[in-house]
């Protein structure tokens, strides 16, 4: 009688983690950076139809790297959660922290209980209004959550992009044109290629914007900011 095949729980988790990391490594990098008037989101994304950066709620944005269909489902679930909570309670009860915690629990449960983990890494960012600080949360495939400051990076070459940004960071929130220039320079340096404005997806959460704070920048605006 053949012996049953045994794999230790540690090995199973390690294999899942390696599988997820390989999937995320194929994705292009995305940067969230604090600037003087809010939070800038910059993605290396040549596709004009598939967005990696999106609005979730009034002051909150979402970015996903890795397998598009998987982080797109997470984005939609986040919007439904935020809308329902805002409707049942108040709009102020919908926070980046609560959304990030919800995503962390969902990803952690899938990673530990499902055979295949999600090949995604996501960002949840909230611009601070009325004197409140900005919030940036990076959530990994296994549900681990990191509270970031100044900037956050997800995607295939996130470690390399972070290293470049740390070299250029002054600790102060720069103006928008400087922040965008730093982000694009870091993406180009790590990808080892020139990124045209048409190959970038850029959005901002503007602190002083009336109503919803999210604004997607058209190519003309991106080109103008990079020329300053």
Protein backbone atom coordinates (compact mmCIF):
# COMPACT_ATOMS: atom_id res chain seq x y z
CA UNK A 1 0.00 0.00 0.00
CA UNK A 2 1.54 3.35 -1.00
CA UNK A 3 2.34 5.87 1.71
CA UNK A 4 0.21 9.03 1.63
CA UNK A 5 2.05 12.04 0.25
CA UNK A 6 2.79 14.55 3.02
CA UNK A 7 3.73 18.19 2.67
CA UNK A 8 4.37 20.25 5.78
CA UNK A 9 2.17 23.32 6.37
CA UNK A 10 5.30 25.48 6.24
CA UNK A 11 6.15 24.16 2.77
CA UNK A 12 2.60 24.70 1.54
CA UNK A 13 2.67 28.35 2.69
CA UNK A 14 6.11 28.87 1.18
CA UNK A 15 4.99 27.44 -2.16
CA UNK A 16 1.89 29.65 -2.15
CA UNK A 17 3.96 32.73 -1.38
CA UNK A 18 6.42 31.97 -4.19
CA UNK A 19 3.55 31.41 -6.61
CA UNK A 20 1.93 34.74 -5.70
CA UNK A 21 5.24 36.64 -5.87
CA UNK A 22 5.93 35.30 -9.37
CA UNK A 23 2.55 36.55 -10.54
CA UNK A 24 3.05 40.00 -8.96
CA UNK A 25 6.59 40.24 -10.41
CA UNK A 26 5.07 40.26 -13.91
CA UNK A 27 3.10 43.42 -13.06
CA UNK A 28 4.46 46.90 -13.69
CA UNK A 29 5.15 49.17 -10.73
CA UNK A 30 2.78 51.74 -9.23
CA UNK A 31 3.79 54.60 -6.91
CA UNK A 32 1.70 56.58 -4.45
CA UNK A 33 3.48 59.73 -3.26
CA UNK A 34 2.45 62.54 -0.97
CA UNK A 35 2.73 65.96 -2.59
CA UNK A 36 2.00 69.43 -1.27
CA UNK A 37 -1.73 69.37 -2.09
CA UNK A 38 -2.56 65.69 -1.62
CA UNK A 39 -1.52 62.27 -2.92
CA UNK A 40 -0.21 61.45 -6.40
CA UNK A 41 -0.66 58.00 -7.97
CA UNK A 42 1.59 57.11 -10.91
CA UNK A 43 1.46 53.79 -12.77
CA UNK A 44 3.52 52.38 -15.61
CA UNK A 45 0.51 51.38 -17.70
CA UNK A 46 0.52 51.44 -21.53
CA UNK A 47 -3.12 50.28 -21.67
CA UNK A 48 -5.66 53.05 -22.19
CA UNK A 49 -8.63 50.81 -21.32
CA UNK A 50 -7.50 48.85 -18.24
CA UNK A 51 -7.07 51.09 -15.22
CA UNK A 52 -4.74 50.17 -12.37
CA UNK A 53 -5.63 53.28 -10.36
CA UNK A 54 -9.22 54.11 -9.42
CA UNK A 55 -11.46 56.00 -7.04
CA UNK A 56 -13.04 54.02 -4.20
CA UNK A 57 -14.83 56.77 -2.28
CA UNK A 58 -14.82 60.54 -1.61
CA UNK A 59 -11.22 60.83 -0.36
CA UNK A 60 -9.98 57.30 -1.05
CA UNK A 61 -8.23 55.73 -4.03
CA UNK A 62 -7.18 52.19 -4.90
CA UNK A 63 -4.28 50.81 -6.95
CA UNK A 64 -3.57 47.20 -7.87
CA UNK A 65 -0.61 45.32 -9.32
CA UNK A 66 -0.43 41.72 -10.46
CA UNK A 67 -3.29 39.79 -12.04
CA UNK A 68 -5.75 42.34 -13.40
CA UNK A 69 -8.95 40.29 -13.06
CA UNK A 70 -8.17 39.58 -9.41
CA UNK A 71 -7.41 43.11 -8.25
CA UNK A 72 -10.32 44.42 -10.33
CA UNK A 73 -12.66 42.16 -8.34
CA UNK A 74 -11.12 43.51 -5.12
CA UNK A 75 -11.66 47.08 -6.32
CA UNK A 76 -15.34 46.44 -7.04
CA UNK A 77 -15.81 44.74 -3.66
CA UNK A 78 -14.22 47.77 -1.97
CA UNK A 79 -16.57 50.17 -3.73
CA UNK A 80 -19.62 48.11 -2.72
CA UNK A 81 -18.40 47.96 0.89
CA UNK A 82 -17.73 51.71 1.01
CA UNK A 83 -21.07 52.64 -0.58
CA UNK A 84 -23.03 50.39 1.77
CA UNK A 85 -21.22 51.64 4.88
CA UNK A 86 -21.62 55.28 3.82
CA UNK A 87 -25.33 54.74 3.15
CA UNK A 88 -26.03 52.86 6.40
CA UNK A 89 -24.02 55.15 8.66
CA UNK A 90 -22.37 58.33 7.33
CA UNK A 91 -19.84 59.18 4.66
CA UNK A 92 -17.28 60.07 7.35
CA UNK A 93 -17.39 56.47 8.63
CA UNK A 94 -15.84 55.23 5.38
CA UNK A 95 -12.07 55.39 5.98
CA UNK A 96 -8.96 54.15 4.25
CA UNK A 97 -7.96 52.30 7.40
CA UNK A 98 -11.21 50.31 7.59
CA UNK A 99 -11.02 49.45 3.88
CA UNK A 100 -7.38 48.38 4.20
CA UNK A 101 -8.24 46.18 7.19
CA UNK A 102 -11.09 44.60 5.23
CA UNK A 103 -8.82 43.87 2.27
CA UNK A 104 -6.18 42.49 4.65
CA UNK A 105 -8.67 40.04 6.16
CA UNK A 106 -9.97 38.92 2.76
CA UNK A 107 -6.51 38.37 1.28
CA UNK A 108 -5.28 36.64 4.43
CA UNK A 109 -8.26 34.26 4.44
CA UNK A 110 -7.81 33.39 0.77
CA UNK A 111 -4.07 32.85 1.24
CA UNK A 112 -4.48 30.53 4.21
CA UNK A 113 -7.61 28.59 3.14
CA UNK A 114 -7.69 28.46 -0.67
CA UNK A 115 -5.47 26.29 -2.84
CA UNK A 116 -4.43 29.22 -5.04
CA UNK A 117 -3.57 32.61 -3.50
CA UNK A 118 -4.41 35.87 -5.25
CA UNK A 119 -1.52 37.16 -7.36
CA UNK A 120 -2.03 40.75 -6.28
CA UNK A 121 -0.59 43.58 -4.26
CA UNK A 122 -2.77 46.61 -3.58
CA UNK A 123 -2.64 50.16 -2.26
CA UNK A 124 -5.39 51.98 -0.39
CA UNK A 125 -4.71 55.70 0.06
CA UNK A 126 -6.77 58.44 1.69
CA UNK A 127 -6.02 62.15 1.43
CA UNK A 128 -6.24 64.03 4.71
CA UNK A 129 -8.73 66.88 4.95
CA UNK A 130 -9.44 69.41 7.71
CA UNK A 131 -5.92 69.07 9.10
CA UNK A 132 -5.91 65.26 9.09
CA UNK A 133 -2.78 63.46 7.80
CA UNK A 134 -2.71 61.43 4.60
CA UNK A 135 -2.96 57.65 4.93
CA UNK A 136 -1.28 55.08 2.68
CA UNK A 137 -1.63 51.33 3.18
CA UNK A 138 0.15 48.62 1.19
CA UNK A 139 -1.55 45.21 1.40
CA UNK A 140 0.22 42.09 0.18
CA UNK A 141 -1.09 38.80 -1.25
CA UNK A 142 -1.01 37.15 2.20
CA UNK A 143 -2.98 39.91 3.91
CA UNK A 144 0.01 41.61 5.54
CA UNK A 145 -0.56 45.35 5.76
CA UNK A 146 2.03 48.12 5.98
CA UNK A 147 1.28 51.71 6.92
CA UNK A 148 3.50 53.78 4.59
CA UNK A 149 4.78 57.37 4.86
CA UNK A 150 5.86 59.80 2.12
CA UNK A 151 5.52 57.19 -0.63
CA UNK A 152 4.48 53.58 -1.25
CA UNK A 153 5.30 51.24 -4.14
CA UNK A 154 3.71 48.02 -5.39
CA UNK A 155 4.38 45.81 -8.40
CA UNK A 156 7.17 43.83 -9.97
CA UNK A 157 10.19 45.98 -9.18
CA UNK A 158 8.86 47.66 -6.03
CA UNK A 159 12.05 47.20 -3.99
CA UNK A 160 14.21 48.79 -6.68
CA UNK A 161 11.74 51.67 -7.17
CA UNK A 162 11.62 52.28 -3.41
CA UNK A 163 15.43 52.43 -3.26
CA UNK A 164 15.52 55.09 -6.00
CA UNK A 165 12.78 57.15 -4.34
CA UNK A 166 14.54 57.02 -0.95
CA UNK A 167 17.65 58.55 -2.52
CA UNK A 168 15.62 61.49 -3.86
CA UNK A 169 13.29 61.93 -0.88
CA UNK A 170 13.76 65.06 1.22
CA UNK A 171 11.08 64.18 3.76
CA UNK A 172 9.03 67.19 2.65
CA UNK A 173 5.98 66.91 0.40
CA UNK A 174 7.08 68.38 -2.97
CA UNK A 175 4.90 70.29 -5.45
CA UNK A 176 2.96 68.17 -7.93
CA UNK A 177 5.33 68.61 -10.89
CA UNK A 178 8.34 67.61 -8.76
CA UNK A 179 6.53 64.58 -7.31
CA UNK A 180 5.49 63.38 -10.78
CA UNK A 181 9.00 63.88 -12.14
CA UNK A 182 10.47 61.82 -9.28
CA UNK A 183 7.95 59.03 -9.79
CA UNK A 184 8.50 58.82 -13.55
CA UNK A 185 12.28 58.99 -13.13
CA UNK A 186 12.19 56.10 -10.62
CA UNK A 187 9.97 54.00 -12.90
CA UNK A 188 12.20 54.68 -15.91
CA UNK A 189 15.40 53.99 -14.01
CA UNK A 190 14.22 50.60 -12.75
CA UNK A 191 12.52 49.59 -16.02
CA UNK A 192 15.56 50.80 -17.98
CA UNK A 193 13.43 52.46 -20.64
CA UNK A 194 11.87 55.82 -21.44
CA UNK A 195 8.18 56.08 -20.54
CA UNK A 196 6.13 58.39 -22.78
CA UNK A 197 3.23 60.33 -21.19
CA UNK A 198 0.86 58.05 -23.15
CA UNK A 199 2.32 55.06 -21.29
CA UNK A 200 1.55 56.49 -17.86
CA UNK A 201 -1.61 56.38 -15.78
CA UNK A 202 -1.67 59.31 -13.36
CA UNK A 203 -4.28 60.41 -10.85
CA UNK A 204 -4.40 62.64 -7.79
CA UNK A 205 -6.39 62.97 -4.59
CA UNK A 206 -6.57 66.76 -4.20
CA UNK A 207 -7.07 67.93 -0.62
CA UNK A 208 -8.81 71.21 -1.51
CA UNK A 209 -10.95 69.88 -4.35
CA UNK A 210 -14.66 70.40 -3.60
CA UNK A 211 -16.60 67.15 -3.18
CA UNK A 212 -14.87 64.03 -4.44
CA UNK A 213 -11.10 64.43 -4.28
CA UNK A 214 -10.09 61.98 -7.03
CA UNK A 215 -9.03 63.34 -10.42
CA UNK A 216 -7.50 61.43 -13.31
CA UNK A 217 -4.91 63.43 -15.26
CA UNK A 218 -5.19 63.47 -19.08
CA UNK A 219 -2.07 62.97 -21.22
CA UNK A 220 -1.86 66.72 -22.00
CA UNK A 221 -1.65 67.56 -18.28
CA UNK A 222 0.96 64.84 -17.68
CA UNK A 223 3.08 66.17 -20.55
CA UNK A 224 2.78 69.74 -19.25
CA UNK A 225 3.76 68.80 -15.67
CA UNK A 226 6.78 66.82 -16.88
CA UNK A 227 7.95 69.77 -18.97
CA UNK A 228 8.09 72.17 -15.99
